[in-house]
Protein backbone atom coordinates (compact mmCIF):
# COMPACT_ATOMS: atom_id res chain seq x y z
CA MET A 1 88.10 69.15 -27.00
CA THR A 2 88.07 65.34 -27.24
CA GLN A 3 86.67 64.03 -30.52
CA PRO A 4 83.83 61.49 -30.51
CA LEU A 5 85.04 57.89 -30.52
CA HIS A 6 83.72 57.15 -34.00
CA ILE A 7 85.74 60.06 -35.40
CA ARG A 8 88.93 59.15 -33.54
CA ARG A 9 88.70 55.57 -34.81
CA ALA A 10 87.96 56.50 -38.43
CA LEU A 11 90.08 54.97 -41.15
CA PRO A 12 91.99 56.73 -43.95
CA PRO A 13 89.86 57.76 -46.91
CA THR A 14 91.78 55.42 -49.22
CA ILE A 15 89.63 52.49 -48.03
CA THR A 16 86.90 53.55 -50.41
CA ARG A 17 88.49 51.68 -53.30
CA PRO A 18 86.71 48.45 -54.37
CA LEU A 19 87.49 45.10 -52.81
CA THR A 20 89.65 43.40 -55.40
CA GLY A 21 92.74 41.27 -55.72
CA ASP A 22 94.09 38.08 -54.19
CA PRO A 23 93.33 37.91 -50.44
CA GLY A 24 96.67 36.22 -49.89
CA ALA A 25 98.42 39.31 -51.21
CA GLY A 26 96.46 41.81 -49.11
CA ALA A 27 94.47 42.11 -45.92
CA MET A 28 91.01 40.96 -45.01
CA ARG A 29 88.22 43.52 -44.88
CA PHE A 30 86.21 43.17 -41.68
CA TYR A 31 82.71 44.67 -41.85
CA LEU A 32 80.66 45.72 -38.86
CA THR A 33 77.11 44.49 -39.37
CA THR A 34 74.48 47.02 -38.31
CA HIS A 35 70.86 47.94 -38.93
CA LYS A 36 71.67 51.62 -38.33
CA ARG A 37 72.09 52.97 -41.85
CA HIS A 38 72.90 56.49 -40.63
CA TRP A 39 76.22 55.08 -39.40
CA LEU A 40 77.30 55.39 -43.03
CA ARG A 41 77.80 59.12 -42.47
CA LEU A 42 79.44 58.73 -39.05
CA THR A 43 82.40 56.47 -39.81
CA ASP A 44 84.50 55.13 -42.65
CA VAL A 45 84.94 51.74 -40.97
CA PRO A 46 83.52 49.07 -43.34
CA LEU A 47 79.83 48.42 -42.67
CA PHE A 48 77.47 45.59 -43.63
CA LEU A 49 73.76 46.49 -43.95
CA LYS A 50 70.61 44.71 -45.09
CA SER A 51 68.91 46.06 -48.18
CA GLU A 52 65.59 46.12 -46.31
CA HIS A 53 66.91 48.83 -43.99
CA PHE A 54 66.87 51.22 -46.95
CA GLU A 55 63.34 50.40 -48.17
CA ARG A 56 61.60 53.26 -46.37
CA ALA A 57 64.46 55.72 -46.65
CA VAL A 58 63.42 59.33 -47.21
CA LYS A 59 66.67 60.96 -46.19
CA TRP A 60 69.74 59.26 -47.64
CA ASP A 61 73.19 59.29 -46.03
CA GLU A 62 76.18 59.21 -48.35
CA ALA A 63 78.68 56.53 -47.36
CA GLN A 64 81.95 57.84 -45.93
CA GLY A 65 83.69 54.49 -46.34
CA PRO A 66 83.22 51.04 -47.85
CA TYR A 67 80.07 49.06 -47.26
CA ALA A 68 78.39 45.91 -48.51
CA VAL A 69 74.72 45.00 -48.77
CA ASP A 70 73.08 41.86 -47.41
CA SER A 71 69.88 40.62 -49.03
CA GLY A 72 68.28 39.66 -45.71
CA GLY A 73 67.85 36.07 -46.82
CA PHE A 74 68.16 34.47 -43.41
CA MET A 75 65.19 36.32 -41.92
CA GLU A 76 63.19 36.02 -45.14
CA LEU A 77 63.49 32.23 -45.19
CA LYS A 78 63.24 31.91 -41.40
CA ASP A 79 59.94 33.79 -41.19
CA LYS A 80 58.35 33.02 -44.57
CA GLY A 81 60.02 29.89 -45.91
CA THR A 82 60.51 31.48 -49.32
CA TRP A 83 61.56 34.69 -51.03
CA THR A 84 58.65 37.12 -51.33
CA ARG A 85 60.60 39.90 -53.07
CA PRO A 86 61.01 39.16 -56.80
CA PRO A 87 64.49 39.55 -58.32
CA TRP A 88 63.52 42.63 -60.37
CA LYS A 89 62.36 44.37 -57.18
CA TYR A 90 65.59 43.49 -55.38
CA VAL A 91 67.57 44.89 -58.31
CA ASP A 92 65.54 48.11 -58.15
CA ASP A 93 66.27 48.37 -54.42
CA LEU A 94 69.99 47.82 -54.99
CA ARG A 95 70.08 50.43 -57.72
CA ARG A 96 68.45 53.02 -55.45
CA ILE A 97 71.00 52.28 -52.73
CA TRP A 98 73.88 52.57 -55.21
CA GLU A 99 72.61 55.87 -56.59
CA HIS A 100 71.77 57.53 -53.26
CA VAL A 101 74.38 56.13 -50.86
CA GLY A 102 77.26 55.53 -53.25
CA PRO A 103 78.87 52.47 -54.85
CA TYR A 104 79.06 49.50 -52.51
CA ASP A 105 81.75 46.82 -52.48
CA TRP A 106 79.24 44.11 -53.37
CA ALA A 107 75.70 42.93 -52.64
CA ALA A 108 74.58 39.44 -51.68
CA PRO A 109 72.14 37.59 -53.96
CA GLN A 110 68.82 36.17 -52.85
CA ASP A 111 70.41 32.90 -51.87
CA TRP A 112 68.93 29.93 -50.02
CA MET A 113 70.75 28.91 -46.81
CA CYS A 114 71.15 25.19 -46.17
CA GLU A 115 71.07 25.17 -42.38
CA ASP A 116 68.88 22.52 -40.79
CA ALA A 117 66.64 25.10 -39.11
CA ILE A 118 65.98 26.91 -42.39
CA ILE A 119 65.11 23.71 -44.23
CA ASN A 120 63.23 21.66 -41.63
CA GLY A 121 61.78 24.41 -39.46
CA GLY A 122 60.94 24.29 -35.76
CA TRP A 123 62.41 25.92 -32.66
CA PHE A 124 66.15 26.60 -32.65
CA GLY A 125 67.92 28.80 -30.11
CA GLY A 126 64.63 30.26 -28.94
CA GLN A 127 63.57 31.26 -32.46
CA TYR A 128 60.86 29.69 -34.60
CA PHE A 129 61.61 28.78 -38.22
CA VAL A 130 58.75 27.98 -40.59
CA GLY A 131 60.98 25.75 -42.73
CA THR A 132 61.23 25.57 -46.51
CA HIS A 133 60.88 21.76 -46.47
CA LEU A 134 63.04 21.52 -49.57
CA SER A 135 66.24 19.57 -50.11
CA VAL A 136 69.77 20.94 -49.84
CA GLU A 137 70.12 20.27 -53.57
CA GLU A 138 67.05 22.38 -54.34
CA HIS A 139 68.35 25.22 -52.18
CA GLN A 140 71.61 25.11 -54.11
CA ARG A 141 69.84 25.05 -57.47
CA ARG A 142 67.72 28.06 -56.50
CA THR A 143 70.77 29.92 -55.17
CA VAL A 144 72.67 29.54 -58.45
CA ALA A 145 69.60 30.28 -60.57
CA ASN A 146 68.93 33.48 -58.64
CA PHE A 147 72.48 34.71 -59.03
CA VAL A 148 72.39 34.09 -62.78
CA GLU A 149 69.08 35.97 -63.04
CA LEU A 150 70.31 38.91 -60.95
CA ARG A 151 73.55 39.15 -62.93
CA SER A 152 71.50 39.14 -66.14
CA LEU A 153 69.17 41.87 -64.84
CA ALA A 154 71.94 44.09 -63.48
CA PRO A 155 75.48 43.19 -64.58
CA ASP A 156 76.69 46.58 -63.30
CA LEU A 157 75.59 46.23 -59.68
CA ARG A 158 78.43 44.11 -58.19
CA ILE A 159 76.17 41.27 -57.06
CA ALA A 160 78.32 38.51 -55.61
CA PRO A 161 77.70 34.78 -55.95
CA VAL A 162 77.25 32.70 -52.80
CA VAL A 163 78.05 29.00 -52.42
CA GLN A 164 75.75 26.97 -50.20
CA GLY A 165 75.80 23.50 -48.67
CA ASP A 166 75.90 21.53 -45.45
CA THR A 167 78.96 19.31 -45.97
CA VAL A 168 82.19 19.63 -47.92
CA PRO A 169 80.88 17.38 -50.75
CA ALA A 170 77.69 19.47 -50.90
CA TYR A 171 79.67 22.70 -51.29
CA GLU A 172 81.70 21.02 -54.02
CA ARG A 173 78.42 20.19 -55.76
CA CYS A 174 77.43 23.84 -55.58
CA LEU A 175 80.68 24.81 -57.31
CA GLU A 176 79.79 22.40 -60.10
CA LEU A 177 76.37 24.02 -60.48
CA TYR A 178 78.00 27.42 -60.95
CA ASP A 179 80.43 25.94 -63.45
CA LYS A 180 77.58 24.39 -65.44
CA ALA A 181 75.81 27.77 -65.41
CA GLY A 182 78.88 29.38 -66.98
CA VAL A 183 79.96 31.27 -63.85
CA ASP A 184 83.72 31.34 -63.21
CA LEU A 185 83.86 31.78 -59.43
CA ARG A 186 87.64 32.20 -59.47
CA ALA A 187 87.22 35.35 -61.54
CA GLU A 188 84.76 36.90 -59.06
CA PRO A 189 86.06 39.68 -56.73
CA VAL A 190 84.31 37.99 -53.81
CA VAL A 191 82.33 34.78 -53.28
CA GLY A 192 80.05 34.51 -50.26
CA LEU A 193 80.30 31.37 -48.14
CA GLY A 194 76.82 30.62 -46.88
CA SER A 195 75.53 28.45 -44.02
CA VAL A 196 78.80 28.38 -42.04
CA CYS A 197 77.90 30.99 -39.40
CA ARG A 198 77.05 28.37 -36.76
CA LEU A 199 79.86 26.03 -37.86
CA GLN A 200 82.70 28.54 -38.13
CA SER A 201 84.55 27.56 -34.94
CA THR A 202 84.09 23.79 -35.47
CA ARG A 203 86.25 21.31 -37.34
CA GLN A 204 83.49 20.88 -39.91
CA GLY A 205 83.33 24.63 -40.50
CA ALA A 206 87.10 24.90 -40.83
CA ALA A 207 87.09 22.00 -43.30
CA ILE A 208 84.45 23.73 -45.44
CA VAL A 209 86.32 27.05 -45.49
CA THR A 210 89.62 25.30 -46.25
CA ALA A 211 88.09 23.25 -49.08
CA MET A 212 86.52 26.28 -50.73
CA ALA A 213 89.65 28.41 -50.34
CA ALA A 214 91.63 25.63 -52.00
CA HIS A 215 89.68 26.35 -55.18
CA GLY A 216 91.19 29.82 -55.31
CA LEU A 217 88.00 31.63 -54.31
CA ARG A 218 88.09 35.06 -52.62
CA LEU A 219 85.73 34.14 -49.81
CA HIS A 220 83.48 36.28 -47.65
CA GLY A 221 82.53 34.75 -44.31
CA PHE A 222 79.02 35.70 -43.18
CA GLY A 223 78.60 36.28 -39.43
CA PHE A 224 82.12 35.35 -38.34
CA LYS A 225 83.13 35.71 -34.70
CA ILE A 226 86.54 35.67 -33.05
CA LEU A 227 86.83 31.87 -32.75
CA GLY A 228 86.07 31.45 -36.44
CA LEU A 229 88.53 34.18 -37.40
CA GLU A 230 91.23 32.59 -35.26
CA ARG A 231 90.80 29.33 -37.13
CA VAL A 232 90.26 30.39 -40.74
CA GLY A 233 90.45 34.19 -40.95
CA HIS A 234 93.62 33.93 -43.00
CA LEU A 235 91.66 32.10 -45.72
CA LEU A 236 89.01 34.83 -46.11
CA ALA A 237 89.03 37.94 -48.28
CA SER A 238 86.42 39.51 -46.01
CA ALA A 239 84.01 38.79 -43.17
CA ASP A 240 81.21 40.51 -41.30
CA SER A 241 79.82 40.26 -37.79
CA ALA A 242 76.94 41.59 -35.69
CA ALA A 243 78.16 39.82 -32.55
CA TRP A 244 78.99 43.18 -30.97
CA SER A 245 75.27 43.89 -30.46
CA SER A 246 74.45 40.73 -28.50
CA HIS A 247 77.72 41.19 -26.61
CA ALA A 248 76.64 44.71 -25.60
CA ARG A 249 73.11 43.63 -24.68
CA ARG A 250 74.46 41.45 -21.87
CA ARG A 251 76.65 44.18 -20.39
CA PRO A 252 76.20 47.62 -18.81
CA PRO A 253 76.56 50.65 -21.10
CA LEU A 254 79.87 52.38 -21.63
CA PRO A 255 80.78 55.04 -19.04
CA GLY A 256 78.88 58.24 -19.75
CA HIS A 257 76.28 56.52 -21.95
CA THR A 258 72.70 57.00 -20.77
CA HIS A 259 70.97 54.17 -22.69
CA LYS A 260 70.04 50.89 -20.97
CA ASN A 261 72.76 49.05 -22.88
CA CYS A 262 74.95 49.68 -25.93
CA ALA A 263 73.30 47.14 -28.27
CA ASN A 264 72.70 49.94 -30.82
CA CYS A 265 75.75 52.08 -30.01
CA ILE A 266 78.38 52.94 -32.60
CA ASP A 267 81.01 53.69 -29.95
CA TYR A 268 80.57 50.22 -28.45
CA ALA A 269 80.61 48.61 -31.92
CA LEU A 270 83.86 50.30 -32.91
CA ASN A 271 85.46 49.49 -29.55
CA TRP A 272 84.39 45.85 -29.97
CA ARG A 273 85.81 45.75 -33.49
CA GLN A 274 89.19 46.95 -32.24
CA ARG A 275 89.18 44.32 -29.49
CA VAL A 276 88.39 41.56 -31.98
CA LEU A 277 91.22 42.56 -34.28
CA ALA A 278 93.64 42.90 -31.37
CA ALA A 279 92.73 39.45 -30.02
CA ILE A 280 93.63 37.60 -33.21
CA PRO A 281 96.97 35.75 -32.93
CA THR A 282 99.94 37.81 -34.13
CA HIS A 283 100.56 35.69 -37.23
CA HIS A 284 97.04 36.56 -38.43
CA GLN A 285 97.13 40.27 -37.62
CA THR A 286 98.21 41.44 -41.08
CA LEU A 287 95.30 39.52 -42.57
CA LEU A 288 92.67 41.23 -40.44
CA THR A 289 93.29 44.91 -41.11
CA ASP A 290 91.45 46.87 -43.78
CA ARG A 291 92.73 46.46 -47.30
CA SER A 292 93.93 50.04 -47.50
CA ALA A 293 96.61 49.20 -44.96
CA ALA A 294 98.06 46.54 -47.23
């Protein structure tokens, strides 16, 4: 009998070890972003989930492979213009996830993106943003302050710092803020690179990634797609993407699938992930497998 796709494509159990080490000496971990938390029990492919998807959990699924936790900051700031969940509550949520699902690779802080839509508000790409109406500098200050507070509240929970900005000099300023706060980013297992999702395939985005990597940071790229990975994937320790879902929404379902489209389908997501990895130029291939293969 043919096994389900998500079982056939499962990775070796050794991938459950933490994400550590120099990205140049190993491979990049590529997370599938999903809002389907039950996928944690269906596959050991690395998954990326928002903490809010666990808030109403009654039945908990133990993770079969590595996963990381997003704070949901983009939607929080897009819809509300500020963080409504206090740091202590976020820490409590992360601790529940850790205890019920299993140790995660890392969790994002409650950072403040510096994209124009987030700051100034208005209609962008068919979506309405309320706008924070703060400066890039204030977003950076709040990002660093939140990380320091979260690390103080829960030093055991693998909360990763995130650098924010809108230009290379701005990102450099953010590094200085962390340094002044006593945070050695080079010693961190992973450092999130915020506000580059829409710039990743551009020269500006590549310049930002290159500049931050030059500081010796083990970078995570939020929301990276194939064009971004082709350009700078070799400079990242890890990346995540939910592009499979929008890709599936515009196409008919897989053969034998009865749903309208495969925008919430694990088989489609895992197929898409394999296609993305296979499409990366050969000289980048070894940098885009899971770290257990290194």
